Amino acid sequence: MDLVETASVSESGEMTIPDRVRNKLGANPPGLVAFYESDTGEVFIKRVPSASEMAGFAARNAEATTDAPATELLREKRDSDQCGPE
């Protein structure tokens, strides 16, 4: 473990993550980090991927759920959108 930084904790429990740590995590505002506790009691911090990153991951790793050609699926979607609410 080479990266050593300290952060103060305010009365309300807030702390500022040091720049070097934020950069290492890739944690840019607005963003979330998660704290994990190991079996030995050590606490680790990790960046939580954004919703758009997760959507992109899902799209890249999704398996096809149908054998229909994409043009057919798009046509069905377009036709259903044109019908409007019932």
Foldseek 3Di string as FASTA:
>chain_A
DPDDDDWDADPVGDTDDDPVVCVVQVADPPFDKDWDADPVGDIDIHTDDDPVVVVVVCVVPPDDPDPDDPVVVVVVVVVVVVVDDD
